[in-house]
Each structure stands twice: as C-alpha cells, then as structure tokens.
Amino acid sequence: MRNAFSKAGMVALAVALSVPVFSGSAQAFDGPAAKNSWGCDNSSQRVNFDYHPGSVTTTVYYNNHCNYTVRAAAHIEDHNGTVTEDCFSVPAGKKDSIKFQQGLSGYFIGIYKC
C-alpha cells in the first residue's frame, strides 16, 4: 500500500519536527545579514559587500567605488571544517552580485581581501 501525503501535510509535519522545508529557491539564510568593506588605495572611496552567510547558496552583493578592479575572497567551510578561499574580481565602478554554491555540506563564512 502506498502512502500519499499532501504538500500542506508535509509542511505541517516538517514544522512540527523542526525540519527545514525548501520550496522554490535553494537558498537558505542561516545567519544574519553581514557586511564587509575596505578602502580604495589612495582614495577616500570604498568597496562594499552585503550577504547572508549560510549553507546551500549565498548571493554576495557588491558596490565598488574604486577606480580599479578589486580582488575579494569568499571563505567557504566544508563538512570536515576545511576552509577554502574562492577569489573573484569586482570591476571598477560596478554594482552587481555574484552567487556562490557551497552545497548542503558547506557553509559560507564571509568576504575578505584576496
């Protein structure tokens, strides 16, 4: 005999058991919103980053006020506690975002200078 559960029933069960349920988006916000920024060389301008550290995927929003490309690093920890540094470029004068996929066993720690 096959058991059939409705989506509403599964959500109610997950809530009762405190099991996370993902529908639609794969992003899970585990931590509070975080920010990081640092000054441009020889200028009062800054490069700014906003993100929610967490698991599965993390979108990092950036705004580079520097007149040159800035290198930044996403620090991601795997299930064994090993931290990797994924460097990326932020073009001069650009405001955009970049998405990191660390999977279910990874955790996005933060953004730092590369």
C-alpha atoms as a PDB file:
ATOM      1  CA  MET A   1       0.000   0.000   0.000  1.00  0.00           C
ATOM      2  CA  ARG A   2       1.320   3.414  -0.972  1.00  0.00           C
ATOM      3  CA  ASN A   3       1.175   6.369   1.431  1.00  0.00           C
ATOM      4  CA  ALA A   4       0.253   9.726  -0.102  1.00  0.00           C
ATOM      5  CA  PHE A   5       0.911  13.000   1.720  1.00  0.00           C
ATOM      6  CA  SER A   6      -0.198  16.418   0.598  1.00  0.00           C
ATOM      7  CA  LYS A   7       2.291  19.284   0.402  1.00  0.00           C
ATOM      8  CA  ALA A   8       0.434  21.075   3.213  1.00  0.00           C
ATOM      9  CA  GLY A   9       0.594  17.932   5.324  1.00  0.00           C
ATOM     10  CA  MET A  10       4.327  17.556   4.742  1.00  0.00           C
ATOM     11  CA  VAL A  11       4.936  21.214   5.641  1.00  0.00           C
ATOM     12  CA  ALA A  12       2.908  20.802   8.839  1.00  0.00           C
ATOM     13  CA  LEU A  13       4.884  17.674   9.697  1.00  0.00           C
ATOM     14  CA  ALA A  14       8.192  19.392   8.997  1.00  0.00           C
ATOM     15  CA  VAL A  15       7.232  22.349  11.182  1.00  0.00           C
ATOM     16  CA  ALA A  16       6.203  20.012  13.979  1.00  0.00           C
ATOM     17  CA  LEU A  17       9.519  18.170  13.701  1.00  0.00           C
ATOM     18  CA  SER A  18      11.553  21.372  13.148  1.00  0.00           C
ATOM     19  CA  VAL A  19      12.859  20.050   9.839  1.00  0.00           C
ATOM     20  CA  PRO A  20      13.640  22.718   7.223  1.00  0.00           C
ATOM     21  CA  VAL A  21      11.473  22.621   4.111  1.00  0.00           C
ATOM     22  CA  PHE A  22      12.724  24.185   0.893  1.00  0.00           C
ATOM     23  CA  SER A  23      10.318  25.153  -1.835  1.00  0.00           C
ATOM     24  CA  GLY A  24      11.275  27.020  -4.972  1.00  0.00           C
ATOM     25  CA  SER A  25      14.587  28.679  -4.127  1.00  0.00           C
ATOM     26  CA  ALA A  26      17.572  26.654  -2.994  1.00  0.00           C
ATOM     27  CA  GLN A  27      18.916  29.480  -0.826  1.00  0.00           C
ATOM     28  CA  ALA A  28      18.824  29.109   2.946  1.00  0.00           C
ATOM     29  CA  PHE A  29      19.622  32.077   5.150  1.00  0.00           C
ATOM     30  CA  ASP A  30      21.340  30.582   8.173  1.00  0.00           C
ATOM     31  CA  GLY A  31      22.989  33.687   9.560  1.00  0.00           C
ATOM     32  CA  PRO A  32      22.063  37.321   9.935  1.00  0.00           C
ATOM     33  CA  ALA A  33      22.839  39.784   7.178  1.00  0.00           C
ATOM     34  CA  ALA A  34      26.542  40.579   7.107  1.00  0.00           C
ATOM     35  CA  LYS A  35      28.605  43.372   5.608  1.00  0.00           C
ATOM     36  CA  ASN A  36      32.235  43.963   4.852  1.00  0.00           C
ATOM     37  CA  SER A  37      34.066  46.829   3.182  1.00  0.00           C
ATOM     38  CA  TRP A  38      37.516  48.293   2.819  1.00  0.00           C
ATOM     39  CA  GLY A  39      39.007  51.486   1.450  1.00  0.00           C
ATOM     40  CA  CYS A  40      40.419  52.008  -2.019  1.00  0.00           C
ATOM     41  CA  ASP A  41      44.148  52.736  -2.323  1.00  0.00           C
ATOM     42  CA  ASN A  42      44.968  56.471  -2.324  1.00  0.00           C
ATOM     43  CA  SER A  43      41.292  57.448  -2.124  1.00  0.00           C
ATOM     44  CA  SER A  44      38.504  58.024   0.381  1.00  0.00           C
ATOM     45  CA  GLN A  45      36.223  55.697  -1.653  1.00  0.00           C
ATOM     46  CA  ARG A  46      35.317  52.144  -0.569  1.00  0.00           C
ATOM     47  CA  VAL A  47      34.247  48.757  -1.911  1.00  0.00           C
ATOM     48  CA  ASN A  48      31.182  47.357  -0.067  1.00  0.00           C
ATOM     49  CA  PHE A  49      29.777  43.829   0.273  1.00  0.00           C
ATOM     50  CA  ASP A  50      26.435  42.586   1.687  1.00  0.00           C
ATOM     51  CA  TYR A  51      25.432  38.913   2.122  1.00  0.00           C
ATOM     52  CA  HIS A  52      23.735  36.348   4.365  1.00  0.00           C
ATOM     53  CA  PRO A  53      26.298  33.741   5.480  1.00  0.00           C
ATOM     54  CA  GLY A  54      24.876  30.252   5.315  1.00  0.00           C
ATOM     55  CA  SER A  55      24.565  26.926   3.541  1.00  0.00           C
ATOM     56  CA  VAL A  56      23.456  25.785   0.068  1.00  0.00           C
ATOM     57  CA  THR A  57      23.929  29.070  -1.888  1.00  0.00           C
ATOM     58  CA  THR A  58      24.920  32.602  -0.935  1.00  0.00           C
ATOM     59  CA  THR A  59      24.480  35.718  -3.048  1.00  0.00           C
ATOM     60  CA  VAL A  60      27.028  38.459  -2.395  1.00  0.00           C
ATOM     61  CA  TYR A  61      26.038  41.976  -3.444  1.00  0.00           C
ATOM     62  CA  TYR A  62      28.879  44.392  -4.115  1.00  0.00           C
ATOM     63  CA  ASN A  63      29.363  48.062  -4.931  1.00  0.00           C
ATOM     64  CA  ASN A  64      32.885  49.044  -5.994  1.00  0.00           C
ATOM     65  CA  HIS A  65      33.508  52.794  -5.746  1.00  0.00           C
ATOM     66  CA  CYS A  66      37.241  52.334  -6.504  1.00  0.00           C
ATOM     67  CA  ASN A  67      38.610  53.345  -9.912  1.00  0.00           C
ATOM     68  CA  TYR A  68      40.264  49.929 -10.305  1.00  0.00           C
ATOM     69  CA  THR A  69      39.241  46.256 -10.114  1.00  0.00           C
ATOM     70  CA  VAL A  70      39.258  44.892  -6.564  1.00  0.00           C
ATOM     71  CA  ARG A  71      40.017  41.251  -5.691  1.00  0.00           C
ATOM     72  CA  ALA A  72      37.883  39.720  -2.940  1.00  0.00           C
ATOM     73  CA  ALA A  73      37.693  36.227  -1.470  1.00  0.00           C
ATOM     74  CA  ALA A  74      34.716  34.161  -0.362  1.00  0.00           C
ATOM     75  CA  HIS A  75      35.628  31.863   2.528  1.00  0.00           C
ATOM     76  CA  ILE A  76      33.658  28.619   2.471  1.00  0.00           C
ATOM     77  CA  GLU A  77      33.910  25.821   5.038  1.00  0.00           C
ATOM     78  CA  ASP A  78      33.169  22.202   4.094  1.00  0.00           C
ATOM     79  CA  HIS A  79      31.710  19.460   6.316  1.00  0.00           C
ATOM     80  CA  ASN A  80      35.218  18.495   7.520  1.00  0.00           C
ATOM     81  CA  GLY A  81      35.989  22.029   8.714  1.00  0.00           C
ATOM     82  CA  THR A  82      38.356  22.792   5.824  1.00  0.00           C
ATOM     83  CA  VAL A  83      38.100  26.425   4.729  1.00  0.00           C
ATOM     84  CA  THR A  84      38.675  27.285   1.080  1.00  0.00           C
ATOM     85  CA  GLU A  85      39.209  30.735  -0.374  1.00  0.00           C
ATOM     86  CA  ASP A  86      37.435  31.467  -3.664  1.00  0.00           C
ATOM     87  CA  CYS A  87      38.896  34.709  -5.107  1.00  0.00           C
ATOM     88  CA  PHE A  88      36.882  36.804  -7.541  1.00  0.00           C
ATOM     89  CA  SER A  89      37.170  40.190  -9.258  1.00  0.00           C
ATOM     90  CA  VAL A  90      34.909  43.175  -8.621  1.00  0.00           C
ATOM     91  CA  PRO A  91      35.101  45.553 -11.626  1.00  0.00           C
ATOM     92  CA  ALA A  92      35.854  49.248 -11.067  1.00  0.00           C
ATOM     93  CA  GLY A  93      32.792  51.414 -10.521  1.00  0.00           C
ATOM     94  CA  LYS A  94      30.343  48.484 -10.707  1.00  0.00           C
ATOM     95  CA  LYS A  95      27.375  47.480  -8.550  1.00  0.00           C
ATOM     96  CA  ASP A  96      26.248  43.871  -9.036  1.00  0.00           C
ATOM     97  CA  SER A  97      26.118  40.459  -7.354  1.00  0.00           C
ATOM     98  CA  ILE A  98      27.809  37.067  -7.510  1.00  0.00           C
ATOM     99  CA  LYS A  99      26.385  33.727  -6.371  1.00  0.00           C
ATOM    100  CA  PHE A 100      28.351  31.001  -4.576  1.00  0.00           C
ATOM    101  CA  GLN A 101      27.055  27.431  -4.385  1.00  0.00           C
ATOM    102  CA  GLN A 102      28.603  25.609  -1.478  1.00  0.00           C
ATOM    103  CA  GLY A 103      26.091  22.729  -1.324  1.00  0.00           C
ATOM    104  CA  LEU A 104      24.312  21.175   1.626  1.00  0.00           C
ATOM    105  CA  SER A 105      27.526  20.220   3.407  1.00  0.00           C
ATOM    106  CA  GLY A 106      29.257  23.598   3.011  1.00  0.00           C
ATOM    107  CA  TYR A 107      28.900  26.878   4.871  1.00  0.00           C
ATOM    108  CA  PHE A 108      29.606  30.373   3.554  1.00  0.00           C
ATOM    109  CA  ILE A 109      31.707  32.196   6.175  1.00  0.00           C
ATOM    110  CA  GLY A 110      32.350  35.646   4.720  1.00  0.00           C
ATOM    111  CA  ILE A 111      34.085  38.018   2.304  1.00  0.00           C
ATOM    112  CA  TYR A 112      37.673  39.164   2.827  1.00  0.00           C
ATOM    113  CA  LYS A 113      40.531  40.713   0.833  1.00  0.00           C
ATOM    114  CA  CYS A 114      42.093  38.262  -1.604  1.00  0.00           C
END
